[in-house]
């Protein structure tokens, strides 16, 4: 949906499995971005039930 609408969605979770549906995952340490990971292949949201 983000690509179709040209929008960005931010989800902040402590559930590590949700990161598999993202284009990019940002990791924070001490209030700053410490690492950015790009997912080459994403899981579809429908796979999480």
C-alpha atoms as a PDB file:
ATOM      1  CA  UNK A   1       0.000   0.000   0.000  1.00  0.00           C
ATOM      2  CA  UNK A   2       2.842   2.395   0.757  1.00  0.00           C
ATOM      3  CA  UNK A   3       4.198   2.129  -2.777  1.00  0.00           C
ATOM      4  CA  UNK A   4       0.763   2.743  -4.291  1.00  0.00           C
ATOM      5  CA  UNK A   5       0.062   5.806  -2.155  1.00  0.00           C
ATOM      6  CA  UNK A   6       3.625   7.129  -1.941  1.00  0.00           C
ATOM      7  CA  UNK A   7       3.525   7.121   1.862  1.00  0.00           C
ATOM      8  CA  UNK A   8       5.711   5.946   4.719  1.00  0.00           C
ATOM      9  CA  UNK A   9       4.494   3.915   7.672  1.00  0.00           C
ATOM     10  CA  UNK A  10       6.447   3.626  10.902  1.00  0.00           C
ATOM     11  CA  UNK A  11       5.758   0.701  13.234  1.00  0.00           C
ATOM     12  CA  UNK A  12       7.582   0.589  16.538  1.00  0.00           C
ATOM     13  CA  UNK A  13       7.482  -2.889  18.078  1.00  0.00           C
ATOM     14  CA  UNK A  14       9.482  -5.126  20.333  1.00  0.00           C
ATOM     15  CA  UNK A  15       8.217  -8.132  18.358  1.00  0.00           C
ATOM     16  CA  UNK A  16      11.181  -9.055  16.144  1.00  0.00           C
ATOM     17  CA  UNK A  17       9.155 -11.150  13.673  1.00  0.00           C
ATOM     18  CA  UNK A  18       7.259  -8.111  12.322  1.00  0.00           C
ATOM     19  CA  UNK A  19      10.481  -6.754  10.818  1.00  0.00           C
ATOM     20  CA  UNK A  20      10.217  -9.361   8.059  1.00  0.00           C
ATOM     21  CA  UNK A  21       7.421  -7.380   6.323  1.00  0.00           C
ATOM     22  CA  UNK A  22       9.339  -4.089   6.172  1.00  0.00           C
ATOM     23  CA  UNK A  23      11.393  -2.630   3.338  1.00  0.00           C
ATOM     24  CA  UNK A  24      13.864  -1.239   5.855  1.00  0.00           C
ATOM     25  CA  UNK A  25      14.389  -1.897   9.553  1.00  0.00           C
ATOM     26  CA  UNK A  26      15.945   0.781  11.759  1.00  0.00           C
ATOM     27  CA  UNK A  27      17.612  -0.204  15.012  1.00  0.00           C
ATOM     28  CA  UNK A  28      17.962   2.310  17.829  1.00  0.00           C
ATOM     29  CA  UNK A  29      20.426   2.557  20.699  1.00  0.00           C
ATOM     30  CA  UNK A  30      20.406   5.347  23.269  1.00  0.00           C
ATOM     31  CA  UNK A  31      17.800   7.296  21.275  1.00  0.00           C
ATOM     32  CA  UNK A  32      19.719   7.252  17.981  1.00  0.00           C
ATOM     33  CA  UNK A  33      19.645   5.110  14.871  1.00  0.00           C
ATOM     34  CA  UNK A  34      22.422   2.578  15.350  1.00  0.00           C
ATOM     35  CA  UNK A  35      21.871   0.426  12.272  1.00  0.00           C
ATOM     36  CA  UNK A  36      19.666   0.228   9.176  1.00  0.00           C
ATOM     37  CA  UNK A  37      18.898  -3.091   7.515  1.00  0.00           C
ATOM     38  CA  UNK A  38      17.247  -3.385   4.090  1.00  0.00           C
ATOM     39  CA  UNK A  39      15.133  -6.479   3.437  1.00  0.00           C
ATOM     40  CA  UNK A  40      15.867  -7.888  -0.001  1.00  0.00           C
ATOM     41  CA  UNK A  41      12.855 -10.199   0.218  1.00  0.00           C
ATOM     42  CA  UNK A  42       9.887  -9.348   2.397  1.00  0.00           C
ATOM     43  CA  UNK A  43       7.200 -11.587   3.839  1.00  0.00           C
ATOM     44  CA  UNK A  44       3.609 -10.742   3.009  1.00  0.00           C
ATOM     45  CA  UNK A  45       1.536  -9.385   5.881  1.00  0.00           C
ATOM     46  CA  UNK A  46      -1.090 -12.066   5.154  1.00  0.00           C
ATOM     47  CA  UNK A  47       1.416 -14.711   6.277  1.00  0.00           C
ATOM     48  CA  UNK A  48       1.109 -13.451   9.878  1.00  0.00           C
ATOM     49  CA  UNK A  49      -2.036 -14.875  11.421  1.00  0.00           C
END
